[in-house]
PDB file of all heavy atoms in Angstrom:
ATOM      1  N   PRO A   1    -215.700 321.683 -29.349  1.00  0.00           N
ATOM      2  CA  PRO A   1    -217.017 321.147 -29.376  1.00  0.00           C
ATOM      3  C   PRO A   1    -217.086 319.792 -28.625  1.00  0.00           C
ATOM      4  O   PRO A   1    -218.126 319.410 -28.049  1.00  0.00           O
ATOM      5  CB  PRO A   1    -217.405 320.901 -30.832  1.00  0.00           C
ATOM      6  CG  PRO A   1    -216.639 322.025 -31.541  1.00  0.00           C
ATOM      7  CD  PRO A   1    -215.355 322.173 -30.753  1.00  0.00           C
ATOM      8  N   ASP A   2    -215.937 319.003 -28.514  1.00  0.00           N
ATOM      9  CA  ASP A   2    -216.033 317.694 -27.944  1.00  0.00           C
ATOM     10  C   ASP A   2    -215.010 317.463 -26.739  1.00  0.00           C
ATOM     11  O   ASP A   2    -215.012 316.383 -26.258  1.00  0.00           O
ATOM     12  CB  ASP A   2    -215.831 316.601 -28.938  1.00  0.00           C
ATOM     13  CG  ASP A   2    -214.487 316.655 -29.635  1.00  0.00           C
ATOM     14  OD1 ASP A   2    -213.801 317.676 -29.573  1.00  0.00           O
ATOM     15  OD2 ASP A   2    -214.153 315.671 -30.262  1.00  0.00           O
ATOM     16  N   ALA A   3    -214.332 318.472 -26.433  1.00  0.00           N
ATOM     17  CA  ALA A   3    -213.306 318.309 -25.213  1.00  0.00           C
ATOM     18  C   ALA A   3    -213.008 319.737 -24.732  1.00  0.00           C
ATOM     19  O   ALA A   3    -213.026 320.679 -25.442  1.00  0.00           O
ATOM     20  CB  ALA A   3    -212.088 317.591 -25.769  1.00  0.00           C
ATOM     21  N   VAL A   4    -212.733 319.685 -23.438  1.00  0.00           N
ATOM     22  CA  VAL A   4    -212.278 320.904 -22.741  1.00  0.00           C
ATOM     23  C   VAL A   4    -210.991 320.622 -21.896  1.00  0.00           C
ATOM     24  O   VAL A   4    -210.908 319.680 -21.274  1.00  0.00           O
ATOM     25  CB  VAL A   4    -213.358 321.465 -21.755  1.00  0.00           C
ATOM     26  CG1 VAL A   4    -212.953 322.652 -21.025  1.00  0.00           C
ATOM     27  CG2 VAL A   4    -214.681 321.723 -22.495  1.00  0.00           C
ATOM     28  N   LEU A   5    -210.052 321.644 -21.971  1.00  0.00           N
ATOM     29  CA  LEU A   5    -208.846 321.554 -21.194  1.00  0.00           C
ATOM     30  C   LEU A   5    -208.854 322.765 -20.130  1.00  0.00           C
ATOM     31  O   LEU A   5    -209.087 323.843 -20.523  1.00  0.00           O
ATOM     32  CB  LEU A   5    -207.639 321.620 -22.013  1.00  0.00           C
ATOM     33  CG  LEU A   5    -206.301 321.827 -21.275  1.00  0.00           C
ATOM     34  CD1 LEU A   5    -205.882 320.610 -20.510  1.00  0.00           C
ATOM     35  CD2 LEU A   5    -205.151 322.283 -22.311  1.00  0.00           C
ATOM     36  N   VAL A   6    -208.726 322.411 -18.923  1.00  0.00           N
ATOM     37  CA  VAL A   6    -208.490 323.396 -17.871  1.00  0.00           C
ATOM     38  C   VAL A   6    -207.223 323.018 -17.168  1.00  0.00           C
ATOM     39  O   VAL A   6    -207.068 321.985 -16.587  1.00  0.00           O
ATOM     40  CB  VAL A   6    -209.612 323.373 -16.877  1.00  0.00           C
ATOM     41  CG1 VAL A   6    -209.319 324.462 -15.804  1.00  0.00           C
ATOM     42  CG2 VAL A   6    -210.971 323.627 -17.513  1.00  0.00           C
ATOM     43  N   ALA A   7    -206.175 323.992 -17.206  1.00  0.00           N
ATOM     44  CA  ALA A   7    -204.892 323.643 -16.643  1.00  0.00           C
ATOM     45  C   ALA A   7    -204.385 324.878 -16.027  1.00  0.00           C
ATOM     46  O   ALA A   7    -204.523 325.962 -16.470  1.00  0.00           O
ATOM     47  CB  ALA A   7    -203.944 323.075 -17.770  1.00  0.00           C
ATOM     48  N   HIS A   8    -203.577 324.715 -14.893  1.00  0.00           N
ATOM     49  CA  HIS A   8    -202.792 325.760 -14.418  1.00  0.00           C
ATOM     50  C   HIS A   8    -201.596 326.086 -15.349  1.00  0.00           C
ATOM     51  O   HIS A   8    -201.007 325.247 -15.825  1.00  0.00           O
ATOM     52  CB  HIS A   8    -202.250 325.464 -13.015  1.00  0.00           C
ATOM     53  CG  HIS A   8    -201.801 326.709 -12.231  1.00  0.00           C
ATOM     54  ND1 HIS A   8    -200.535 327.175 -12.288  1.00  0.00           N
ATOM     55  CD2 HIS A   8    -202.453 327.431 -11.293  1.00  0.00           C
ATOM     56  CE1 HIS A   8    -200.429 328.175 -11.563  1.00  0.00           C
ATOM     57  NE2 HIS A   8    -201.537 328.411 -10.936  1.00  0.00           N
ATOM     58  N   GLN A   9    -201.310 327.397 -15.530  1.00  0.00           N
ATOM     59  CA  GLN A   9    -200.259 327.690 -16.435  1.00  0.00           C
ATOM     60  C   GLN A   9    -198.862 327.090 -16.095  1.00  0.00           C
ATOM     61  O   GLN A   9    -198.048 326.905 -16.982  1.00  0.00           O
ATOM     62  CB  GLN A   9    -200.194 329.254 -16.598  1.00  0.00           C
ATOM     63  CG  GLN A   9    -201.397 329.800 -17.310  1.00  0.00           C
ATOM     64  CD  GLN A   9    -201.221 331.261 -17.757  1.00  0.00           C
ATOM     65  OE1 GLN A   9    -200.155 331.580 -18.138  1.00  0.00           O
ATOM     66  NE2 GLN A   9    -202.311 332.040 -17.680  1.00  0.00           N
ATOM     67  N   SER A  10    -198.666 326.897 -14.776  1.00  0.00           N
ATOM     68  CA  SER A  10    -197.424 326.294 -14.407  1.00  0.00           C
ATOM     69  C   SER A  10    -197.280 324.825 -14.776  1.00  0.00           C
ATOM     70  O   SER A  10    -196.216 324.262 -14.838  1.00  0.00           O
ATOM     71  CB  SER A  10    -197.242 326.452 -12.907  1.00  0.00           C
ATOM     72  OG  SER A  10    -198.230 325.673 -12.176  1.00  0.00           O
ATOM     73  N   ALA A  11    -198.436 324.147 -15.158  1.00  0.00           N
ATOM     74  CA  ALA A  11    -198.461 322.758 -15.483  1.00  0.00           C
ATOM     75  C   ALA A  11    -198.579 322.480 -16.957  1.00  0.00           C
ATOM     76  O   ALA A  11    -198.982 321.444 -17.437  1.00  0.00           O
ATOM     77  CB  ALA A  11    -199.556 322.040 -14.719  1.00  0.00           C
ATOM     78  N   VAL A  12    -198.385 323.611 -17.797  1.00  0.00           N
ATOM     79  CA  VAL A  12    -198.658 323.476 -19.228  1.00  0.00           C
ATOM     80  C   VAL A  12    -197.914 322.325 -19.958  1.00  0.00           C
ATOM     81  O   VAL A  12    -198.336 321.672 -20.830  1.00  0.00           O
ATOM     82  CB  VAL A  12    -198.357 324.835 -19.914  1.00  0.00           C
ATOM     83  CG1 VAL A  12    -196.870 325.167 -19.917  1.00  0.00           C
ATOM     84  CG2 VAL A  12    -198.881 324.879 -21.277  1.00  0.00           C
ATOM     85  N   GLU A  13    -196.695 321.965 -19.368  1.00  0.00           N
ATOM     86  CA  GLU A  13    -195.936 321.007 -20.001  1.00  0.00           C
ATOM     87  C   GLU A  13    -196.510 319.568 -19.787  1.00  0.00           C
ATOM     88  O   GLU A  13    -196.045 318.566 -20.370  1.00  0.00           O
ATOM     89  CB  GLU A  13    -194.470 321.023 -19.584  1.00  0.00           C
ATOM     90  CG  GLU A  13    -193.684 322.274 -19.919  1.00  0.00           C
ATOM     91  CD  GLU A  13    -193.572 322.395 -21.487  1.00  0.00           C
ATOM     92  OE1 GLU A  13    -193.467 321.333 -22.140  1.00  0.00           O
ATOM     93  OE2 GLU A  13    -193.606 323.518 -22.008  1.00  0.00           O
ATOM     94  N   GLN A  14    -197.419 319.463 -18.875  1.00  0.00           N
ATOM     95  CA  GLN A  14    -198.005 318.086 -18.502  1.00  0.00           C
ATOM     96  C   GLN A  14    -199.210 317.806 -19.415  1.00  0.00           C
ATOM     97  O   GLN A  14    -199.752 316.680 -19.247  1.00  0.00           O
ATOM     98  CB  GLN A  14    -198.382 318.112 -17.066  1.00  0.00           C
ATOM     99  CG  GLN A  14    -197.173 318.234 -16.097  1.00  0.00           C
ATOM    100  CD  GLN A  14    -197.637 318.352 -14.636  1.00  0.00           C
ATOM    101  OE1 GLN A  14    -198.597 317.679 -14.210  1.00  0.00           O
ATOM    102  NE2 GLN A  14    -196.972 319.195 -13.872  1.00  0.00           N
ATOM    103  N   VAL A  15    -199.630 318.727 -20.309  1.00  0.00           N
ATOM    104  CA  VAL A  15    -200.735 318.441 -21.212  1.00  0.00           C
ATOM    105  C   VAL A  15    -200.431 317.161 -22.020  1.00  0.00           C
ATOM    106  O   VAL A  15    -201.320 316.337 -22.259  1.00  0.00           O
ATOM    107  CB  VAL A  15    -201.046 319.634 -22.020  1.00  0.00           C
ATOM    108  CG1 VAL A  15    -202.102 319.310 -23.118  1.00  0.00           C
ATOM    109  CG2 VAL A  15    -201.579 320.784 -21.176  1.00  0.00           C
ATOM    110  N   LYS A  16    -199.229 317.101 -22.512  1.00  0.00           N
ATOM    111  CA  LYS A  16    -198.835 315.957 -23.320  1.00  0.00           C
ATOM    112  C   LYS A  16    -199.025 314.676 -22.587  1.00  0.00           C
ATOM    113  O   LYS A  16    -199.541 313.626 -23.141  1.00  0.00           O
ATOM    114  CB  LYS A  16    -197.379 316.127 -23.790  1.00  0.00           C
ATOM    115  CG  LYS A  16    -196.951 315.046 -24.787  1.00  0.00           C
ATOM    116  CD  LYS A  16    -195.564 315.387 -25.194  1.00  0.00           C
ATOM    117  CE  LYS A  16    -195.026 314.385 -26.310  1.00  0.00           C
ATOM    118  NZ  LYS A  16    -193.683 314.636 -26.705  1.00  0.00           N
ATOM    119  N   GLU A  17    -198.663 314.625 -21.289  1.00  0.00           N
ATOM    120  CA  GLU A  17    -198.864 313.406 -20.520  1.00  0.00           C
ATOM    121  C   GLU A  17    -200.316 313.042 -20.312  1.00  0.00           C
ATOM    122  O   GLU A  17    -200.641 311.915 -20.359  1.00  0.00           O
ATOM    123  CB  GLU A  17    -198.177 313.586 -19.097  1.00  0.00           C
ATOM    124  CG  GLU A  17    -196.689 313.839 -19.237  1.00  0.00           C
ATOM    125  CD  GLU A  17    -196.076 314.227 -17.855  1.00  0.00           C
ATOM    126  OE1 GLU A  17    -196.767 314.073 -16.875  1.00  0.00           O
ATOM    127  OE2 GLU A  17    -194.989 314.838 -17.895  1.00  0.00           O
ATOM    128  N   ALA A  18    -201.115 314.100 -20.172  1.00  0.00           N
ATOM    129  CA  ALA A  18    -202.555 313.859 -20.012  1.00  0.00           C
ATOM    130  C   ALA A  18    -203.186 313.263 -21.185  1.00  0.00           C
ATOM    131  O   ALA A  18    -204.068 312.323 -21.200  1.00  0.00           O
ATOM    132  CB  ALA A  18    -203.282 315.140 -19.644  1.00  0.00           C
ATOM    133  N   VAL A  19    -202.716 313.735 -22.397  1.00  0.00           N
ATOM    134  CA  VAL A  19    -203.241 313.231 -23.651  1.00  0.00           C
ATOM    135  C   VAL A  19    -202.827 311.846 -23.833  1.00  0.00           C
ATOM    136  O   VAL A  19    -203.663 310.982 -24.339  1.00  0.00           O
ATOM    137  CB  VAL A  19    -202.851 314.151 -24.788  1.00  0.00           C
ATOM    138  CG1 VAL A  19    -203.286 313.533 -26.134  1.00  0.00           C
ATOM    139  CG2 VAL A  19    -203.361 315.554 -24.717  1.00  0.00           C
ATOM    140  N   ALA A  20    -201.598 311.485 -23.498  1.00  0.00           N
ATOM    141  CA  ALA A  20    -201.099 310.106 -23.596  1.00  0.00           C
ATOM    142  C   ALA A  20    -201.979 309.125 -22.756  1.00  0.00           C
ATOM    143  O   ALA A  20    -202.223 308.027 -23.141  1.00  0.00           O
ATOM    144  CB  ALA A  20    -199.658 310.089 -23.149  1.00  0.00           C
ATOM    145  N   GLU A  21    -202.368 309.654 -21.582  1.00  0.00           N
ATOM    146  CA  GLU A  21    -203.296 308.788 -20.675  1.00  0.00           C
ATOM    147  C   GLU A  21    -204.646 308.634 -21.378  1.00  0.00           C
ATOM    148  O   GLU A  21    -205.189 307.511 -21.283  1.00  0.00           O
ATOM    149  CB  GLU A  21    -203.392 309.515 -19.342  1.00  0.00           C
ATOM    150  CG  GLU A  21    -204.361 308.835 -18.348  1.00  0.00           C
ATOM    151  CD  GLU A  21    -204.073 307.456 -18.022  1.00  0.00           C
ATOM    152  OE1 GLU A  21    -202.856 306.998 -18.201  1.00  0.00           O
ATOM    153  OE2 GLU A  21    -204.907 306.717 -17.534  1.00  0.00           O
ATOM    154  N   LEU A  22    -205.190 309.641 -21.931  1.00  0.00           N
ATOM    155  CA  LEU A  22    -206.462 309.503 -22.686  1.00  0.00           C
ATOM    156  C   LEU A  22    -206.326 308.459 -23.795  1.00  0.00           C
ATOM    157  O   LEU A  22    -207.185 307.646 -23.948  1.00  0.00           O
ATOM    158  CB  LEU A  22    -206.847 310.843 -23.316  1.00  0.00           C
ATOM    159  CG  LEU A  22    -207.440 311.927 -22.317  1.00  0.00           C
ATOM    160  CD1 LEU A  22    -207.691 313.142 -23.072  1.00  0.00           C
ATOM    161  CD2 LEU A  22    -208.630 311.426 -21.565  1.00  0.00           C
ATOM    162  N   ASP A  23    -205.212 308.546 -24.471  1.00  0.00           N
ATOM    163  CA  ASP A  23    -204.977 307.622 -25.594  1.00  0.00           C
ATOM    164  C   ASP A  23    -204.826 306.208 -25.085  1.00  0.00           C
ATOM    165  O   ASP A  23    -205.333 305.238 -25.661  1.00  0.00           O
ATOM    166  CB  ASP A  23    -203.761 308.046 -26.398  1.00  0.00           C
ATOM    167  CG  ASP A  23    -203.630 307.392 -27.757  1.00  0.00           C
ATOM    168  OD1 ASP A  23    -204.602 306.983 -28.266  1.00  0.00           O
ATOM    169  OD2 ASP A  23    -202.478 307.281 -28.269  1.00  0.00           O
ATOM    170  N   ARG A  24    -204.117 306.030 -23.976  1.00  0.00           N
ATOM    171  CA  ARG A  24    -203.951 304.691 -23.372  1.00  0.00           C
ATOM    172  C   ARG A  24    -205.308 304.108 -22.935  1.00  0.00           C
ATOM    173  O   ARG A  24    -205.521 302.866 -23.082  1.00  0.00           O
ATOM    174  CB  ARG A  24    -203.043 304.781 -22.140  1.00  0.00           C
ATOM    175  CG  ARG A  24    -202.684 303.426 -21.517  1.00  0.00           C
ATOM    176  CD  ARG A  24    -201.966 303.637 -20.152  1.00  0.00           C
ATOM    177  NE  ARG A  24    -202.926 304.193 -19.142  1.00  0.00           N
ATOM    178  CZ  ARG A  24    -203.853 303.426 -18.497  1.00  0.00           C
ATOM    179  NH1 ARG A  24    -203.945 302.134 -18.803  1.00  0.00           N
ATOM    180  NH2 ARG A  24    -204.564 303.992 -17.623  1.00  0.00           N
ATOM    181  N   ARG A  25    -206.224 304.946 -22.554  1.00  0.00           N
ATOM    182  CA  ARG A  25    -207.549 304.476 -22.194  1.00  0.00           C
ATOM    183  C   ARG A  25    -208.504 304.315 -23.364  1.00  0.00           C
ATOM    184  O   ARG A  25    -209.634 303.879 -23.190  1.00  0.00           O
ATOM    185  CB  ARG A  25    -208.157 305.457 -21.123  1.00  0.00           C
ATOM    186  CG  ARG A  25    -207.497 305.391 -19.763  1.00  0.00           C
ATOM    187  CD  ARG A  25    -207.831 306.618 -18.898  1.00  0.00           C
ATOM    188  NE  ARG A  25    -209.252 307.005 -18.987  1.00  0.00           N
ATOM    189  CZ  ARG A  25    -209.751 308.137 -18.663  1.00  0.00           C
ATOM    190  NH1 ARG A  25    -208.891 309.049 -18.192  1.00  0.00           N
ATOM    191  NH2 ARG A  25    -211.019 308.409 -18.648  1.00  0.00           N
ATOM    192  N   GLY A  26    -208.064 304.612 -24.540  1.00  0.00           N
ATOM    193  CA  GLY A  26    -208.888 304.458 -25.723  1.00  0.00           C
ATOM    194  C   GLY A  26    -209.926 305.538 -25.940  1.00  0.00           C
ATOM    195  O   GLY A  26    -210.866 305.356 -26.699  1.00  0.00           O
ATOM    196  N   VAL A  27    -209.730 306.654 -25.325  1.00  0.00           N
ATOM    197  CA  VAL A  27    -210.677 307.842 -25.565  1.00  0.00           C
ATOM    198  C   VAL A  27    -210.368 308.450 -26.946  1.00  0.00           C
ATOM    199  O   VAL A  27    -209.267 308.928 -27.215  1.00  0.00           O
ATOM    200  CB  VAL A  27    -210.406 308.867 -24.430  1.00  0.00           C
ATOM    201  CG1 VAL A  27    -211.376 310.090 -24.717  1.00  0.00           C
ATOM    202  CG2 VAL A  27    -210.709 308.267 -23.091  1.00  0.00           C
ATOM    203  N   SER A  28    -211.340 308.427 -27.762  1.00  0.00           N
ATOM    204  CA  SER A  28    -211.105 308.835 -29.175  1.00  0.00           C
ATOM    205  C   SER A  28    -210.741 310.294 -29.300  1.00  0.00           C
ATOM    206  O   SER A  28    -209.994 310.646 -30.216  1.00  0.00           O
ATOM    207  CB  SER A  28    -212.394 308.605 -29.981  1.00  0.00           C
ATOM    208  OG  SER A  28    -213.477 309.405 -29.518  1.00  0.00           O
ATOM    209  N   GLN A  29    -211.150 311.173 -28.357  1.00  0.00           N
ATOM    210  CA  GLN A  29    -210.794 312.594 -28.437  1.00  0.00           C
ATOM    211  C   GLN A  29    -209.318 312.829 -28.279  1.00  0.00           C
ATOM    212  O   GLN A  29    -208.822 313.920 -28.567  1.00  0.00           O
ATOM    213  CB  GLN A  29    -211.587 313.356 -27.409  1.00  0.00           C
ATOM    214  CG  GLN A  29    -213.050 313.580 -27.738  1.00  0.00           C
ATOM    215  CD  GLN A  29    -213.901 312.440 -27.159  1.00  0.00           C
ATOM    216  OE1 GLN A  29    -213.358 311.444 -26.889  1.00  0.00           O
ATOM    217  NE2 GLN A  29    -215.202 312.744 -27.060  1.00  0.00           N
ATOM    218  N   ALA A  30    -208.544 311.837 -27.845  1.00  0.00           N
ATOM    219  CA  ALA A  30    -207.101 311.930 -27.770  1.00  0.00           C
ATOM    220  C   ALA A  30    -206.485 312.123 -29.144  1.00  0.00           C
ATOM    221  O   ALA A  30    -205.489 312.853 -29.343  1.00  0.00           O
ATOM    222  CB  ALA A  30    -206.422 310.772 -27.016  1.00  0.00           C
ATOM    223  N   ARG A  31    -207.114 311.523 -30.133  1.00  0.00           N
ATOM    224  CA  ARG A  31    -206.556 311.486 -31.528  1.00  0.00           C
ATOM    225  C   ARG A  31    -207.408 312.184 -32.565  1.00  0.00           C
ATOM    226  O   ARG A  31    -206.887 312.755 -33.502  1.00  0.00           O
ATOM    227  CB  ARG A  31    -206.320 310.074 -31.957  1.00  0.00           C
ATOM    228  CG  ARG A  31    -205.285 309.271 -31.128  1.00  0.00           C
ATOM    229  CD  ARG A  31    -204.997 307.938 -31.766  1.00  0.00           C
ATOM    230  NE  ARG A  31    -203.973 307.185 -31.006  1.00  0.00           N
ATOM    231  CZ  ARG A  31    -203.190 306.336 -31.574  1.00  0.00           C
ATOM    232  NH1 ARG A  31    -203.270 306.022 -32.875  1.00  0.00           N
ATOM    233  NH2 ARG A  31    -202.323 305.692 -30.842  1.00  0.00           N
ATOM    234  N   PHE A  32    -208.686 312.171 -32.334  1.00  0.00           N
ATOM    235  CA  PHE A  32    -209.677 312.544 -33.367  1.00  0.00           C
ATOM    236  C   PHE A  32    -210.530 313.722 -33.017  1.00  0.00           C
ATOM    237  O   PHE A  32    -211.015 313.814 -31.861  1.00  0.00           O
ATOM    238  CB  PHE A  32    -210.595 311.353 -33.783  1.00  0.00           C
ATOM    239  CG  PHE A  32    -209.796 310.181 -34.253  1.00  0.00           C
ATOM    240  CD1 PHE A  32    -209.722 309.087 -33.435  1.00  0.00           C
ATOM    241  CD2 PHE A  32    -209.133 310.140 -35.461  1.00  0.00           C
ATOM    242  CE1 PHE A  32    -208.997 307.928 -33.844  1.00  0.00           C
ATOM    243  CE2 PHE A  32    -208.380 309.056 -35.848  1.00  0.00           C
ATOM    244  CZ  PHE A  32    -208.312 307.943 -35.069  1.00  0.00           C
ATOM    245  N   HIS A  33    -210.793 314.666 -33.986  1.00  0.00           N
ATOM    246  CA  HIS A  33    -211.698 315.684 -33.829  1.00  0.00           C
ATOM    247  C   HIS A  33    -213.082 315.194 -34.199  1.00  0.00           C
ATOM    248  O   HIS A  33    -213.311 314.319 -35.018  1.00  0.00           O
ATOM    249  CB  HIS A  33    -211.332 316.918 -34.679  1.00  0.00           C
ATOM    250  CG  HIS A  33    -210.459 317.878 -34.081  1.00  0.00           C
ATOM    251  ND1 HIS A  33    -210.811 318.771 -33.073  1.00  0.00           N
ATOM    252  CD2 HIS A  33    -209.023 318.121 -34.286  1.00  0.00           C
ATOM    253  CE1 HIS A  33    -209.728 319.506 -32.766  1.00  0.00           C
ATOM    254  NE2 HIS A  33    -208.713 319.154 -33.436  1.00  0.00           N
ATOM    255  N   ARG A  34    -214.139 315.914 -33.644  1.00  0.00           N
ATOM    256  CA  ARG A  34    -215.459 315.777 -34.133  1.00  0.00           C
ATOM    257  C   ARG A  34    -215.564 316.280 -35.592  1.00  0.00           C
ATOM    258  O   ARG A  34    -216.237 315.622 -36.428  1.00  0.00           O
ATOM    259  CB  ARG A  34    -216.456 316.504 -33.259  1.00  0.00           C
ATOM    260  CG  ARG A  34    -217.883 316.028 -33.376  1.00  0.00           C
ATOM    261  CD  ARG A  34    -218.798 316.926 -32.542  1.00  0.00           C
ATOM    262  NE  ARG A  34    -219.061 318.184 -33.172  1.00  0.00           N
ATOM    263  CZ  ARG A  34    -219.903 319.059 -32.690  1.00  0.00           C
ATOM    264  NH1 ARG A  34    -220.619 318.850 -31.600  1.00  0.00           N
ATOM    265  NH2 ARG A  34    -220.207 320.193 -33.326  1.00  0.00           N
ATOM    266  N   ARG A  35    -214.886 317.352 -35.850  1.00  0.00           N
ATOM    267  CA  ARG A  35    -214.834 317.909 -37.229  1.00  0.00           C
ATOM    268  C   ARG A  35    -213.639 317.324 -37.977  1.00  0.00           C
ATOM    269  O   ARG A  35    -212.498 317.292 -37.496  1.00  0.00           O
ATOM    270  CB  ARG A  35    -214.710 319.400 -37.223  1.00  0.00           C
ATOM    271  CG  ARG A  35    -214.801 320.095 -38.468  1.00  0.00           C
ATOM    272  CD  ARG A  35    -214.790 321.639 -38.285  1.00  0.00           C
ATOM    273  NE  ARG A  35    -214.829 322.351 -39.488  1.00  0.00           N
ATOM    274  CZ  ARG A  35    -213.777 322.735 -40.187  1.00  0.00           C
ATOM    275  NH1 ARG A  35    -212.566 322.525 -39.761  1.00  0.00           N
ATOM    276  NH2 ARG A  35    -213.881 323.461 -41.357  1.00  0.00           N
ATOM    277  N   VAL A  36    -213.966 316.620 -39.144  1.00  0.00           N
ATOM    278  CA  VAL A  36    -212.973 315.925 -39.838  1.00  0.00           C
ATOM    279  C   VAL A  36    -212.706 316.588 -41.185  1.00  0.00           C
ATOM    280  O   VAL A  36    -213.636 316.835 -41.923  1.00  0.00           O
ATOM    281  CB  VAL A  36    -213.439 314.505 -40.009  1.00  0.00           C
ATOM    282  CG1 VAL A  36    -212.403 313.659 -40.861  1.00  0.00           C
ATOM    283  CG2 VAL A  36    -213.613 313.817 -38.668  1.00  0.00           C
ATOM    284  N   ALA A  37    -211.405 316.754 -41.570  1.00  0.00           N
ATOM    285  CA  ALA A  37    -211.097 317.321 -42.878  1.00  0.00           C
ATOM    286  C   ALA A  37    -211.028 316.164 -43.915  1.00  0.00           C
ATOM    287  O   ALA A  37    -210.456 315.130 -43.658  1.00  0.00           O
ATOM    288  CB  ALA A  37    -209.696 318.021 -42.787  1.00  0.00           C
ATOM    289  N   ARG A  38    -211.492 316.495 -45.061  1.00  0.00           N
ATOM    290  CA  ARG A  38    -211.441 315.557 -46.262  1.00  0.00           C
ATOM    291  C   ARG A  38    -210.858 316.438 -47.424  1.00  0.00           C
ATOM    292  O   ARG A  38    -210.929 317.666 -47.417  1.00  0.00           O
ATOM    293  CB  ARG A  38    -212.784 315.023 -46.588  1.00  0.00           C
ATOM    294  CG  ARG A  38    -213.279 313.926 -45.539  1.00  0.00           C
ATOM    295  CD  ARG A  38    -212.423 312.655 -45.733  1.00  0.00           C
ATOM    296  NE  ARG A  38    -212.829 311.569 -44.908  1.00  0.00           N
ATOM    297  CZ  ARG A  38    -212.214 311.212 -43.745  1.00  0.00           C
ATOM    298  NH1 ARG A  38    -211.233 311.933 -43.317  1.00  0.00           N
ATOM    299  NH2 ARG A  38    -212.738 310.196 -43.091  1.00  0.00           N
TER     300      ARG A  38
END
């Protein structure tokens, strides 16, 4: 609902690096879901 990933299958191992970049930029979707468990 709040984020989309499009990646070539050969680059699947680079997803972790992309998320780290989102986190470095302070993008909340790197860590948090819109739907939250309690």
